Amino acid sequence: MKFFIDTANLDQIKEAQDLGVLDGVTTNPSLMAKEGITGRENILKHYVDICEIVTGDVSAEVIATTYDEMVKEGEELAALHEQIVVKVPMIKDGIKAIKYFSDKGIRTNCTLVFSCGQALLAAKAGATYVSPFIGRLDDISTDGLNLIAEIRHIYDNYMFETQILAASVRHTMHVIDCAKIGADVMTGPLSSIEGLLKHPLTDSGLAKFLADYEKGNN
């Protein structure tokens, strides 16, 4: 399972990269705005800055919603850096754009996916990644993890190469559950990754080891 961090914060990205388990980064306009990154040139530069920190894929989202504009914007994003994956919304023109990019060898991440039908269309169009938003489904009392499991079943039926990227991951148990049901990738905040480190028996065990060492060596 690949670990992506969902942020535009360079310090958090560096921290995750230093941990040694980071496989990539996802971002979106909301995350850029949260970090005060505004203006087309500043946003493009920020994508490059992220690529220079990590060694894996970096999803960069198109703002356009029409086919021609998505193609134009996506090609500009892909040209920024070889690690860039063009993030395209799950709309009719988005599927057409994903097919275009796929034929051109440009990798894509189909975002804002909330149903198996949408995931099936994305895979048929040749998306590199499909991003079901499990946290947002949970927010409306719908089982986001069940959607991941259903997409996994469909993709396995037909040997689709599209990777299931569990998005809108909110906490550590989301990560564990996604791993259990076979998500290829998870993307979430740094806290959801660092939470995997924690267990009270690890803390108490280490404290005992250190205390015993001090008794015997002082």
N, C-alpha and C. Protein backbone atom coordinates (compact mmCIF):
# COMPACT_ATOMS: atom_id res chain seq x y z
N MET A 1 0.85 -1.20 0.00
CA MET A 1 0.00 0.00 0.00
C MET A 1 0.88 1.25 0.00
N LYS A 2 0.58 2.16 -0.91
CA LYS A 2 1.32 3.42 -0.98
C LYS A 2 0.72 4.43 0.00
N PHE A 3 1.60 5.24 0.59
CA PHE A 3 1.18 6.31 1.48
C PHE A 3 1.42 7.65 0.79
N PHE A 4 0.34 8.39 0.55
CA PHE A 4 0.44 9.77 0.06
C PHE A 4 0.01 10.69 1.20
N ILE A 5 0.54 11.90 1.20
CA ILE A 5 0.10 12.91 2.16
C ILE A 5 -0.74 13.94 1.41
N ASP A 6 -1.85 14.31 2.01
CA ASP A 6 -2.80 15.22 1.37
C ASP A 6 -2.65 16.60 1.96
N THR A 7 -1.78 17.39 1.36
CA THR A 7 -1.48 18.71 1.90
C THR A 7 -0.70 19.51 0.87
N ALA A 8 -0.63 20.81 1.10
CA ALA A 8 0.27 21.66 0.32
C ALA A 8 1.32 22.29 1.22
N ASN A 9 1.36 21.84 2.47
CA ASN A 9 2.31 22.38 3.44
C ASN A 9 3.67 21.73 3.26
N LEU A 10 4.67 22.50 2.88
CA LEU A 10 5.98 21.95 2.57
C LEU A 10 6.66 21.34 3.79
N ASP A 11 6.46 21.93 4.97
CA ASP A 11 7.09 21.40 6.18
C ASP A 11 6.53 20.01 6.50
N GLN A 12 5.21 19.85 6.36
CA GLN A 12 4.60 18.55 6.62
C GLN A 12 5.05 17.51 5.59
N ILE A 13 5.17 17.94 4.35
CA ILE A 13 5.65 17.04 3.30
C ILE A 13 7.08 16.59 3.59
N LYS A 14 7.93 17.52 4.01
CA LYS A 14 9.31 17.18 4.36
C LYS A 14 9.36 16.20 5.53
N GLU A 15 8.50 16.44 6.52
CA GLU A 15 8.47 15.57 7.69
C GLU A 15 8.06 14.15 7.31
N ALA A 16 7.05 14.04 6.44
CA ALA A 16 6.60 12.72 5.99
C ALA A 16 7.66 12.05 5.13
N GLN A 17 8.33 12.82 4.31
CA GLN A 17 9.39 12.28 3.47
C GLN A 17 10.54 11.77 4.33
N ASP A 18 10.89 12.52 5.37
CA ASP A 18 11.99 12.12 6.25
C ASP A 18 11.66 10.85 7.02
N LEU A 19 10.39 10.56 7.20
CA LEU A 19 9.99 9.34 7.90
C LEU A 19 10.38 8.10 7.09
N GLY A 20 10.48 8.27 5.77
CA GLY A 20 10.97 7.19 4.93
C GLY A 20 9.91 6.29 4.34
N VAL A 21 8.63 6.65 4.53
CA VAL A 21 7.55 5.78 4.03
C VAL A 21 6.64 6.51 3.05
N LEU A 22 6.97 7.72 2.68
CA LEU A 22 6.09 8.51 1.81
C LEU A 22 6.28 8.12 0.34
N ASP A 23 5.15 7.91 -0.34
CA ASP A 23 5.19 7.53 -1.75
C ASP A 23 4.69 8.62 -2.69
N GLY A 24 4.10 9.70 -2.16
CA GLY A 24 3.60 10.74 -3.04
C GLY A 24 2.78 11.77 -2.28
N VAL A 25 2.25 12.73 -3.04
CA VAL A 25 1.50 13.85 -2.47
C VAL A 25 0.27 14.11 -3.32
N THR A 26 -0.84 14.42 -2.65
CA THR A 26 -2.02 14.94 -3.35
C THR A 26 -2.31 16.34 -2.84
N THR A 27 -2.78 17.18 -3.72
CA THR A 27 -3.15 18.54 -3.34
C THR A 27 -4.45 18.89 -4.05
N ASN A 28 -5.02 20.01 -3.67
CA ASN A 28 -6.19 20.53 -4.37
C ASN A 28 -6.26 22.04 -4.14
N PRO A 29 -7.14 22.75 -4.83
CA PRO A 29 -7.21 24.21 -4.66
C PRO A 29 -7.47 24.65 -3.23
N SER A 30 -8.27 23.88 -2.48
CA SER A 30 -8.55 24.25 -1.09
C SER A 30 -7.30 24.17 -0.24
N LEU A 31 -6.48 23.13 -0.46
CA LEU A 31 -5.25 22.97 0.31
C LEU A 31 -4.23 24.05 -0.05
N MET A 32 -4.19 24.43 -1.31
CA MET A 32 -3.30 25.52 -1.74
C MET A 32 -3.71 26.82 -1.04
N ALA A 33 -5.01 27.10 -1.06
CA ALA A 33 -5.51 28.33 -0.45
C ALA A 33 -5.23 28.36 1.05
N LYS A 34 -5.32 27.19 1.68
CA LYS A 34 -5.05 27.09 3.12
C LYS A 34 -3.63 27.51 3.45
N GLU A 35 -2.70 27.27 2.54
CA GLU A 35 -1.30 27.63 2.75
C GLU A 35 -0.97 29.03 2.20
N GLY A 36 -2.00 29.72 1.72
CA GLY A 36 -1.81 31.07 1.20
C GLY A 36 -1.17 31.11 -0.18
N ILE A 37 -1.25 29.99 -0.90
CA ILE A 37 -0.67 29.93 -2.25
C ILE A 37 -1.75 30.34 -3.24
N THR A 38 -1.63 31.51 -3.80
CA THR A 38 -2.62 32.03 -4.75
C THR A 38 -1.92 32.57 -5.99
N GLY A 39 -2.66 32.66 -7.07
CA GLY A 39 -2.08 33.14 -8.33
C GLY A 39 -1.48 31.99 -9.11
N ARG A 40 -1.75 31.96 -10.40
CA ARG A 40 -1.36 30.84 -11.24
C ARG A 40 0.13 30.50 -11.16
N GLU A 41 0.98 31.50 -11.28
CA GLU A 41 2.42 31.26 -11.27
C GLU A 41 2.91 30.72 -9.94
N ASN A 42 2.36 31.26 -8.84
CA ASN A 42 2.75 30.78 -7.52
C ASN A 42 2.32 29.33 -7.29
N ILE A 43 1.13 28.99 -7.78
CA ILE A 43 0.64 27.62 -7.64
C ILE A 43 1.51 26.65 -8.43
N LEU A 44 1.84 27.01 -9.66
CA LEU A 44 2.69 26.15 -10.49
C LEU A 44 4.07 25.96 -9.85
N LYS A 45 4.63 27.04 -9.33
CA LYS A 45 5.94 26.96 -8.67
C LYS A 45 5.85 26.04 -7.44
N HIS A 46 4.74 26.13 -6.73
CA HIS A 46 4.58 25.32 -5.53
C HIS A 46 4.54 23.84 -5.87
N TYR A 47 3.91 23.49 -6.98
CA TYR A 47 3.91 22.09 -7.42
C TYR A 47 5.33 21.60 -7.66
N VAL A 48 6.14 22.43 -8.30
CA VAL A 48 7.53 22.05 -8.56
C VAL A 48 8.30 21.91 -7.26
N ASP A 49 8.05 22.83 -6.32
CA ASP A 49 8.71 22.76 -5.01
C ASP A 49 8.39 21.44 -4.32
N ILE A 50 7.13 21.00 -4.43
CA ILE A 50 6.74 19.73 -3.82
C ILE A 50 7.47 18.57 -4.49
N CYS A 51 7.54 18.61 -5.81
CA CYS A 51 8.23 17.54 -6.56
C CYS A 51 9.69 17.42 -6.18
N GLU A 52 10.29 18.53 -5.79
CA GLU A 52 11.70 18.51 -5.42
C GLU A 52 11.94 17.94 -4.03
N ILE A 53 10.86 17.82 -3.24
CA ILE A 53 10.98 17.24 -1.90
C ILE A 53 10.77 15.74 -1.93
N VAL A 54 9.76 15.29 -2.67
CA VAL A 54 9.39 13.87 -2.66
C VAL A 54 9.95 13.15 -3.89
N THR A 55 9.94 11.83 -3.82
CA THR A 55 10.44 11.03 -4.94
C THR A 55 9.30 10.38 -5.72
N GLY A 56 8.07 10.52 -5.23
CA GLY A 56 6.94 9.86 -5.88
C GLY A 56 6.03 10.80 -6.62
N ASP A 57 4.82 10.31 -6.92
CA ASP A 57 3.84 11.06 -7.71
C ASP A 57 3.27 12.24 -6.92
N VAL A 58 3.02 13.32 -7.65
CA VAL A 58 2.40 14.52 -7.08
C VAL A 58 1.19 14.88 -7.92
N SER A 59 0.01 14.77 -7.33
CA SER A 59 -1.22 15.08 -8.06
C SER A 59 -1.46 16.58 -8.07
N ALA A 60 -1.61 17.13 -9.27
CA ALA A 60 -1.86 18.56 -9.46
C ALA A 60 -3.20 18.71 -10.18
N GLU A 61 -4.10 19.45 -9.58
CA GLU A 61 -5.50 19.47 -10.04
C GLU A 61 -5.77 20.58 -11.06
N VAL A 62 -6.49 20.21 -12.11
CA VAL A 62 -6.95 21.21 -13.07
C VAL A 62 -8.12 21.98 -12.45
N ILE A 63 -8.23 23.25 -12.83
CA ILE A 63 -9.34 24.09 -12.37
C ILE A 63 -10.44 24.12 -13.41
N ALA A 64 -10.08 23.91 -14.67
CA ALA A 64 -11.03 23.96 -15.78
C ALA A 64 -12.08 22.86 -15.65
N THR A 65 -13.25 23.10 -16.27
CA THR A 65 -14.33 22.11 -16.23
C THR A 65 -14.84 21.76 -17.63
N THR A 66 -14.19 22.28 -18.67
CA THR A 66 -14.55 21.91 -20.04
C THR A 66 -13.41 21.11 -20.65
N TYR A 67 -13.73 20.26 -21.60
CA TYR A 67 -12.74 19.36 -22.18
C TYR A 67 -11.51 20.09 -22.71
N ASP A 68 -11.73 21.06 -23.58
CA ASP A 68 -10.60 21.75 -24.21
C ASP A 68 -9.71 22.44 -23.18
N GLU A 69 -10.33 23.07 -22.20
CA GLU A 69 -9.55 23.77 -21.18
C GLU A 69 -8.84 22.80 -20.26
N MET A 70 -9.48 21.68 -19.96
CA MET A 70 -8.82 20.67 -19.12
C MET A 70 -7.60 20.09 -19.83
N VAL A 71 -7.73 19.84 -21.11
CA VAL A 71 -6.60 19.31 -21.88
C VAL A 71 -5.45 20.32 -21.88
N LYS A 72 -5.78 21.58 -22.13
CA LYS A 72 -4.74 22.62 -22.16
C LYS A 72 -4.05 22.75 -20.81
N GLU A 73 -4.86 22.84 -19.76
CA GLU A 73 -4.30 23.01 -18.42
C GLU A 73 -3.54 21.77 -17.97
N GLY A 74 -4.09 20.60 -18.28
CA GLY A 74 -3.44 19.36 -17.89
C GLY A 74 -2.09 19.18 -18.55
N GLU A 75 -1.99 19.54 -19.81
CA GLU A 75 -0.71 19.43 -20.51
C GLU A 75 0.32 20.37 -19.90
N GLU A 76 -0.12 21.56 -19.47
CA GLU A 76 0.79 22.51 -18.82
C GLU A 76 1.29 21.93 -17.49
N LEU A 77 0.38 21.33 -16.73
CA LEU A 77 0.76 20.75 -15.45
C LEU A 77 1.73 19.59 -15.64
N ALA A 78 1.43 18.71 -16.58
CA ALA A 78 2.28 17.54 -16.83
C ALA A 78 3.68 17.94 -17.27
N ALA A 79 3.77 19.09 -17.95
CA ALA A 79 5.07 19.56 -18.44
C ALA A 79 5.94 20.15 -17.34
N LEU A 80 5.35 20.43 -16.18
CA LEU A 80 6.10 21.04 -15.08
C LEU A 80 7.20 20.12 -14.56
N HIS A 81 6.87 18.82 -14.43
CA HIS A 81 7.80 17.89 -13.80
C HIS A 81 7.34 16.47 -14.12
N GLU A 82 8.27 15.55 -14.23
CA GLU A 82 7.93 14.17 -14.59
C GLU A 82 7.12 13.46 -13.51
N GLN A 83 7.13 13.99 -12.28
CA GLN A 83 6.38 13.36 -11.19
C GLN A 83 4.91 13.78 -11.15
N ILE A 84 4.55 14.77 -11.94
CA ILE A 84 3.19 15.31 -11.89
C ILE A 84 2.18 14.32 -12.47
N VAL A 85 1.10 14.12 -11.71
CA VAL A 85 -0.07 13.37 -12.17
C VAL A 85 -1.21 14.38 -12.26
N VAL A 86 -1.88 14.43 -13.40
CA VAL A 86 -2.93 15.42 -13.61
C VAL A 86 -4.23 14.96 -12.94
N LYS A 87 -4.71 15.77 -12.03
CA LYS A 87 -5.92 15.46 -11.28
C LYS A 87 -7.13 16.05 -12.00
N VAL A 88 -8.08 15.19 -12.36
CA VAL A 88 -9.21 15.58 -13.21
C VAL A 88 -10.52 15.22 -12.50
N PRO A 89 -11.50 16.13 -12.48
CA PRO A 89 -12.76 15.82 -11.79
C PRO A 89 -13.61 14.80 -12.53
N MET A 90 -14.40 14.07 -11.76
CA MET A 90 -15.30 13.06 -12.31
C MET A 90 -16.55 13.74 -12.88
N ILE A 91 -16.40 14.26 -14.08
CA ILE A 91 -17.52 14.82 -14.84
C ILE A 91 -17.38 14.31 -16.28
N LYS A 92 -18.38 14.53 -17.09
CA LYS A 92 -18.37 13.99 -18.45
C LYS A 92 -17.15 14.43 -19.24
N ASP A 93 -16.88 15.73 -19.23
CA ASP A 93 -15.70 16.22 -19.95
C ASP A 93 -14.41 15.74 -19.29
N GLY A 94 -14.48 15.48 -17.98
CA GLY A 94 -13.30 14.96 -17.29
C GLY A 94 -12.94 13.57 -17.78
N ILE A 95 -13.94 12.72 -17.99
CA ILE A 95 -13.69 11.38 -18.51
C ILE A 95 -13.10 11.46 -19.92
N LYS A 96 -13.63 12.35 -20.73
CA LYS A 96 -13.08 12.55 -22.08
C LYS A 96 -11.62 13.00 -22.01
N ALA A 97 -11.33 13.90 -21.07
CA ALA A 97 -9.96 14.39 -20.92
C ALA A 97 -9.03 13.28 -20.42
N ILE A 98 -9.51 12.45 -19.50
CA ILE A 98 -8.70 11.34 -19.00
C ILE A 98 -8.34 10.39 -20.15
N LYS A 99 -9.29 10.12 -21.01
CA LYS A 99 -9.02 9.26 -22.17
C LYS A 99 -7.97 9.90 -23.07
N TYR A 100 -8.08 11.19 -23.29
CA TYR A 100 -7.09 11.92 -24.10
C TYR A 100 -5.70 11.80 -23.47
N PHE A 101 -5.63 12.10 -22.17
CA PHE A 101 -4.34 12.05 -21.48
C PHE A 101 -3.76 10.64 -21.51
N SER A 102 -4.61 9.65 -21.30
CA SER A 102 -4.17 8.26 -21.32
C SER A 102 -3.54 7.90 -22.65
N ASP A 103 -4.18 8.32 -23.73
CA ASP A 103 -3.66 8.05 -25.08
C ASP A 103 -2.33 8.76 -25.33
N LYS A 104 -2.13 9.89 -24.63
CA LYS A 104 -0.90 10.67 -24.79
C LYS A 104 0.20 10.25 -23.81
N GLY A 105 -0.09 9.28 -22.94
CA GLY A 105 0.90 8.85 -21.97
C GLY A 105 1.03 9.76 -20.76
N ILE A 106 0.03 10.62 -20.54
CA ILE A 106 0.02 11.51 -19.38
C ILE A 106 -0.79 10.85 -18.27
N ARG A 107 -0.19 10.69 -17.10
CA ARG A 107 -0.86 10.01 -15.99
C ARG A 107 -1.91 10.91 -15.35
N THR A 108 -2.99 10.27 -14.86
CA THR A 108 -4.12 11.03 -14.32
C THR A 108 -4.61 10.45 -13.00
N ASN A 109 -5.28 11.32 -12.25
CA ASN A 109 -5.94 10.95 -11.01
C ASN A 109 -7.37 11.47 -11.12
N CYS A 110 -8.34 10.56 -11.23
CA CYS A 110 -9.74 10.96 -11.33
C CYS A 110 -10.27 11.21 -9.93
N THR A 111 -10.63 12.46 -9.64
CA THR A 111 -10.99 12.86 -8.28
C THR A 111 -12.49 13.08 -8.13
N LEU A 112 -12.91 13.19 -6.86
CA LEU A 112 -14.33 13.40 -6.51
C LEU A 112 -15.19 12.23 -6.99
N VAL A 113 -14.72 11.03 -6.70
CA VAL A 113 -15.44 9.81 -7.04
C VAL A 113 -16.23 9.35 -5.81
N PHE A 114 -17.52 9.07 -6.01
CA PHE A 114 -18.39 8.68 -4.90
C PHE A 114 -19.25 7.46 -5.21
N SER A 115 -19.00 6.79 -6.35
CA SER A 115 -19.80 5.61 -6.69
C SER A 115 -18.97 4.63 -7.50
N CYS A 116 -19.43 3.37 -7.52
CA CYS A 116 -18.75 2.35 -8.31
C CYS A 116 -18.84 2.66 -9.80
N GLY A 117 -19.98 3.19 -10.22
CA GLY A 117 -20.15 3.53 -11.63
C GLY A 117 -19.14 4.56 -12.09
N GLN A 118 -18.91 5.56 -11.26
CA GLN A 118 -17.91 6.57 -11.59
C GLN A 118 -16.52 5.95 -11.66
N ALA A 119 -16.21 5.08 -10.72
CA ALA A 119 -14.90 4.41 -10.71
C ALA A 119 -14.72 3.52 -11.93
N LEU A 120 -15.79 2.88 -12.37
CA LEU A 120 -15.73 2.03 -13.55
C LEU A 120 -15.45 2.86 -14.80
N LEU A 121 -16.10 4.00 -14.93
CA LEU A 121 -15.86 4.89 -16.07
C LEU A 121 -14.42 5.39 -16.08
N ALA A 122 -13.91 5.76 -14.92
CA ALA A 122 -12.53 6.26 -14.83
C ALA A 122 -11.54 5.20 -15.29
N ALA A 123 -11.76 3.96 -14.85
CA ALA A 123 -10.86 2.87 -15.25
C ALA A 123 -10.95 2.60 -16.74
N LYS A 124 -12.17 2.63 -17.27
CA LYS A 124 -12.36 2.41 -18.71
C LYS A 124 -11.65 3.48 -19.54
N ALA A 125 -11.62 4.70 -19.01
CA ALA A 125 -10.98 5.81 -19.72
C ALA A 125 -9.46 5.78 -19.59
N GLY A 126 -8.95 4.94 -18.68
CA GLY A 126 -7.51 4.80 -18.55
C GLY A 126 -6.86 5.61 -17.45
N ALA A 127 -7.64 5.99 -16.43
CA ALA A 127 -7.07 6.76 -15.31
C ALA A 127 -5.98 5.96 -14.61
N THR A 128 -4.93 6.62 -14.21
CA THR A 128 -3.86 5.98 -13.44
C THR A 128 -4.34 5.70 -12.02
N TYR A 129 -5.01 6.68 -11.44
CA TYR A 129 -5.58 6.56 -10.11
C TYR A 129 -7.06 6.96 -10.15
N VAL A 130 -7.83 6.36 -9.26
CA VAL A 130 -9.19 6.82 -9.02
C VAL A 130 -9.30 7.13 -7.54
N SER A 131 -9.91 8.28 -7.21
CA SER A 131 -9.92 8.75 -5.82
C SER A 131 -11.33 8.79 -5.23
N PRO A 132 -11.77 7.69 -4.60
CA PRO A 132 -13.03 7.72 -3.86
C PRO A 132 -12.82 8.48 -2.54
N PHE A 133 -13.72 9.39 -2.23
CA PHE A 133 -13.58 10.25 -1.05
C PHE A 133 -14.31 9.61 0.13
N ILE A 134 -13.62 8.74 0.87
CA ILE A 134 -14.31 7.97 1.89
C ILE A 134 -14.75 8.82 3.08
N GLY A 135 -13.95 9.80 3.46
CA GLY A 135 -14.30 10.65 4.59
C GLY A 135 -15.56 11.46 4.34
N ARG A 136 -15.70 11.97 3.12
CA ARG A 136 -16.89 12.77 2.80
C ARG A 136 -18.14 11.90 2.74
N LEU A 137 -17.99 10.63 2.35
CA LEU A 137 -19.13 9.72 2.40
C LEU A 137 -19.51 9.43 3.84
N ASP A 138 -18.52 9.21 4.69
CA ASP A 138 -18.80 9.00 6.12
C ASP A 138 -19.55 10.20 6.71
N ASP A 139 -19.21 11.40 6.23
CA ASP A 139 -19.85 12.61 6.75
C ASP A 139 -21.36 12.63 6.53
N ILE A 140 -21.83 11.91 5.49
CA ILE A 140 -23.27 11.89 5.21
C ILE A 140 -23.87 10.52 5.54
N SER A 141 -23.24 9.84 6.50
CA SER A 141 -23.72 8.55 7.00
C SER A 141 -23.78 7.47 5.93
N THR A 142 -22.81 7.50 5.03
CA THR A 142 -22.66 6.46 4.01
C THR A 142 -21.32 5.77 4.23
N ASP A 143 -21.26 4.47 3.98
CA ASP A 143 -20.06 3.69 4.27
C ASP A 143 -19.01 3.87 3.18
N GLY A 144 -18.05 4.76 3.44
CA GLY A 144 -17.01 5.01 2.46
C GLY A 144 -16.12 3.80 2.22
N LEU A 145 -15.85 3.04 3.27
CA LEU A 145 -14.99 1.86 3.14
C LEU A 145 -15.65 0.79 2.27
N ASN A 146 -16.96 0.68 2.35
CA ASN A 146 -17.66 -0.29 1.51
C ASN A 146 -17.49 0.05 0.04
N LEU A 147 -17.45 1.34 -0.27
CA LEU A 147 -17.23 1.75 -1.66
C LEU A 147 -15.86 1.27 -2.13
N ILE A 148 -14.83 1.42 -1.30
CA ILE A 148 -13.49 0.93 -1.66
C ILE A 148 -13.53 -0.56 -1.96
N ALA A 149 -14.20 -1.32 -1.09
CA ALA A 149 -14.28 -2.77 -1.27
C ALA A 149 -14.99 -3.14 -2.57
N GLU A 150 -16.06 -2.42 -2.90
CA GLU A 150 -16.81 -2.71 -4.12
C GLU A 150 -15.98 -2.38 -5.37
N ILE A 151 -15.28 -1.26 -5.34
CA ILE A 151 -14.42 -0.90 -6.47
C ILE A 151 -13.30 -1.93 -6.64
N ARG A 152 -12.72 -2.38 -5.51
CA ARG A 152 -11.68 -3.41 -5.57
C ARG A 152 -12.20 -4.67 -6.25
N HIS A 153 -13.42 -5.06 -5.91
CA HIS A 153 -14.03 -6.26 -6.49
C HIS A 153 -14.22 -6.10 -8.00
N ILE A 154 -14.72 -4.95 -8.42
CA ILE A 154 -14.95 -4.70 -9.84
C ILE A 154 -13.63 -4.67 -10.61
N TYR A 155 -12.65 -3.96 -10.06
CA TYR A 155 -11.36 -3.85 -10.76
C TYR A 155 -10.68 -5.22 -10.87
N ASP A 156 -10.80 -6.02 -9.82
CA ASP A 156 -10.19 -7.35 -9.86
C ASP A 156 -10.91 -8.26 -10.87
N ASN A 157 -12.22 -8.08 -11.01
CA ASN A 157 -12.98 -8.88 -11.98
C ASN A 157 -12.42 -8.73 -13.40
N TYR A 158 -12.00 -7.50 -13.73
CA TYR A 158 -11.62 -7.20 -15.11
C TYR A 158 -10.16 -6.81 -15.26
N MET A 159 -9.39 -6.99 -14.18
CA MET A 159 -7.95 -6.73 -14.21
C MET A 159 -7.61 -5.31 -14.66
N PHE A 160 -8.42 -4.35 -14.22
CA PHE A 160 -8.10 -2.95 -14.51
C PHE A 160 -6.80 -2.58 -13.80
N GLU A 161 -5.98 -1.79 -14.46
CA GLU A 161 -4.71 -1.37 -13.88
C GLU A 161 -4.84 -0.09 -13.06
N THR A 162 -5.97 0.58 -13.15
CA THR A 162 -6.20 1.79 -12.38
C THR A 162 -6.05 1.50 -10.89
N GLN A 163 -5.28 2.35 -10.20
CA GLN A 163 -5.04 2.15 -8.77
C GLN A 163 -6.10 2.87 -7.95
N ILE A 164 -6.58 2.19 -6.92
CA ILE A 164 -7.59 2.77 -6.03
C ILE A 164 -6.88 3.60 -4.97
N LEU A 165 -7.12 4.91 -5.02
CA LEU A 165 -6.48 5.85 -4.10
C LEU A 165 -7.56 6.32 -3.10
N ALA A 166 -7.53 5.76 -1.92
CA ALA A 166 -8.50 6.14 -0.89
C ALA A 166 -8.22 7.56 -0.43
N ALA A 167 -9.13 8.46 -0.77
CA ALA A 167 -8.94 9.88 -0.48
C ALA A 167 -9.85 10.33 0.66
N SER A 168 -9.60 11.53 1.15
CA SER A 168 -10.36 12.06 2.27
C SER A 168 -10.25 11.15 3.49
N VAL A 169 -9.08 10.52 3.64
CA VAL A 169 -8.79 9.73 4.83
C VAL A 169 -8.64 10.68 6.01
N ARG A 170 -9.33 10.37 7.09
CA ARG A 170 -9.38 11.32 8.20
C ARG A 170 -8.52 10.90 9.40
N HIS A 171 -8.28 9.59 9.56
CA HIS A 171 -7.63 9.13 10.78
C HIS A 171 -6.94 7.79 10.53
N THR A 172 -6.23 7.32 11.54
CA THR A 172 -5.40 6.13 11.40
C THR A 172 -6.21 4.87 11.10
N MET A 173 -7.39 4.71 11.70
CA MET A 173 -8.18 3.51 11.44
C MET A 173 -8.66 3.46 10.00
N HIS A 174 -8.88 4.62 9.38
CA HIS A 174 -9.17 4.64 7.95
C HIS A 174 -8.03 3.97 7.18
N VAL A 175 -6.79 4.29 7.57
CA VAL A 175 -5.62 3.73 6.89
C VAL A 175 -5.60 2.21 7.03
N ILE A 176 -5.79 1.73 8.26
CA ILE A 176 -5.77 0.29 8.52
C ILE A 176 -6.89 -0.41 7.74
N ASP A 177 -8.09 0.14 7.79
CA ASP A 177 -9.22 -0.50 7.12
C ASP A 177 -9.03 -0.52 5.61
N CYS A 178 -8.48 0.55 5.05
CA CYS A 178 -8.22 0.59 3.61
C CYS A 178 -7.18 -0.45 3.22
N ALA A 179 -6.19 -0.65 4.08
CA ALA A 179 -5.18 -1.67 3.82
C ALA A 179 -5.81 -3.07 3.84
N LYS A 180 -6.73 -3.30 4.75
CA LYS A 180 -7.38 -4.60 4.86
C LYS A 180 -8.18 -4.96 3.61
N ILE A 181 -8.84 -3.96 3.03
CA ILE A 181 -9.73 -4.26 1.89
C ILE A 181 -9.06 -4.04 0.54
N GLY A 182 -7.76 -3.71 0.56
CA GLY A 182 -7.01 -3.73 -0.68
C GLY A 182 -6.91 -2.45 -1.46
N ALA A 183 -7.06 -1.30 -0.81
CA ALA A 183 -6.79 -0.04 -1.50
C ALA A 183 -5.32 -0.01 -1.89
N ASP A 184 -5.03 0.48 -3.09
CA ASP A 184 -3.64 0.54 -3.54
C ASP A 184 -2.88 1.67 -2.88
N VAL A 185 -3.59 2.75 -2.58
CA VAL A 185 -2.98 3.97 -2.05
C VAL A 185 -3.93 4.58 -1.03
N MET A 186 -3.40 5.24 -0.02
CA MET A 186 -4.21 6.11 0.82
C MET A 186 -3.59 7.49 0.80
N THR A 187 -4.44 8.51 0.90
CA THR A 187 -3.92 9.86 1.05
C THR A 187 -4.67 10.54 2.18
N GLY A 188 -3.90 11.09 3.09
CA GLY A 188 -4.51 11.73 4.25
C GLY A 188 -3.54 12.68 4.91
N PRO A 189 -3.92 13.25 6.04
CA PRO A 189 -3.03 14.17 6.75
C PRO A 189 -1.86 13.43 7.38
N LEU A 190 -0.83 14.17 7.73
CA LEU A 190 0.34 13.58 8.37
C LEU A 190 -0.05 12.81 9.63
N SER A 191 -1.04 13.31 10.36
CA SER A 191 -1.45 12.67 11.61
C SER A 191 -1.97 11.26 11.39
N SER A 192 -2.58 11.00 10.23
CA SER A 192 -3.11 9.66 9.97
C SER A 192 -1.99 8.65 9.75
N ILE A 193 -0.85 9.12 9.27
CA ILE A 193 0.32 8.25 9.08
C ILE A 193 1.07 8.08 10.40
N GLU A 194 1.32 9.19 11.08
CA GLU A 194 2.07 9.13 12.33
C GLU A 194 1.30 8.37 13.41
N GLY A 195 -0.03 8.35 13.29
CA GLY A 195 -0.83 7.61 14.26
C GLY A 195 -0.54 6.12 14.26
N LEU A 196 -0.03 5.62 13.13
CA LEU A 196 0.31 4.20 13.04
C LEU A 196 1.47 3.83 13.96
N LEU A 197 2.24 4.82 14.36
CA LEU A 197 3.38 4.57 15.24
C LEU A 197 2.96 4.25 16.67
N LYS A 198 1.76 4.69 17.03
CA LYS A 198 1.41 4.75 18.45
C LYS A 198 0.76 3.46 18.97
N HIS A 199 1.25 3.02 20.13
CA HIS A 199 0.59 1.97 20.90
C HIS A 199 1.07 2.10 22.34
N PRO A 200 0.16 2.04 23.30
CA PRO A 200 0.57 2.22 24.70
C PRO A 200 1.54 1.15 25.19
N LEU A 201 1.44 -0.08 24.66
CA LEU A 201 2.37 -1.12 25.09
C LEU A 201 3.78 -0.87 24.57
N THR A 202 3.88 -0.22 23.41
CA THR A 202 5.20 0.17 22.92
C THR A 202 5.82 1.19 23.86
N ASP A 203 5.03 2.18 24.27
CA ASP A 203 5.53 3.23 25.17
C ASP A 203 5.93 2.65 26.52
N SER A 204 5.05 1.81 27.10
CA SER A 204 5.36 1.25 28.42
C SER A 204 6.52 0.26 28.34
N GLY A 205 6.60 -0.50 27.24
CA GLY A 205 7.70 -1.45 27.08
C GLY A 205 9.04 -0.75 26.96
N LEU A 206 9.07 0.32 26.17
CA LEU A 206 10.31 1.07 26.01
C LEU A 206 10.73 1.71 27.33
N ALA A 207 9.75 2.25 28.05
CA ALA A 207 10.05 2.87 29.34
C ALA A 207 10.66 1.85 30.30
N LYS A 208 10.14 0.63 30.28
CA LYS A 208 10.68 -0.42 31.16
C LYS A 208 12.09 -0.82 30.75
N PHE A 209 12.30 -0.99 29.44
CA PHE A 209 13.64 -1.34 28.96
C PHE A 209 14.66 -0.30 29.42
N LEU A 210 14.30 0.95 29.25
CA LEU A 210 15.23 2.03 29.60
C LEU A 210 15.46 2.09 31.11
N ALA A 211 14.37 1.89 31.87
CA ALA A 211 14.51 1.90 33.33
C ALA A 211 15.39 0.74 33.81
N ASP A 212 15.21 -0.43 33.23
CA ASP A 212 16.04 -1.59 33.60
C ASP A 212 17.50 -1.36 33.23
N TYR A 213 17.72 -0.73 32.10
CA TYR A 213 19.10 -0.43 31.69
C TYR A 213 19.76 0.50 32.70
N GLU A 214 19.01 1.53 33.10
CA GLU A 214 19.56 2.51 34.04
C GLU A 214 19.92 1.83 35.38
N LYS A 215 19.07 0.90 35.81
CA LYS A 215 19.34 0.21 37.09
C LYS A 215 20.64 -0.60 37.02
N GLY A 216 20.88 -1.21 35.88
CA GLY A 216 22.04 -2.09 35.77
C GLY A 216 23.31 -1.40 35.33
N ASN A 217 23.22 -0.16 34.97
CA ASN A 217 24.40 0.54 34.44
C ASN A 217 24.70 1.84 35.15
N ASN A 218 24.21 1.96 36.36
CA ASN A 218 24.51 3.16 37.15
C ASN A 218 24.99 2.77 38.54
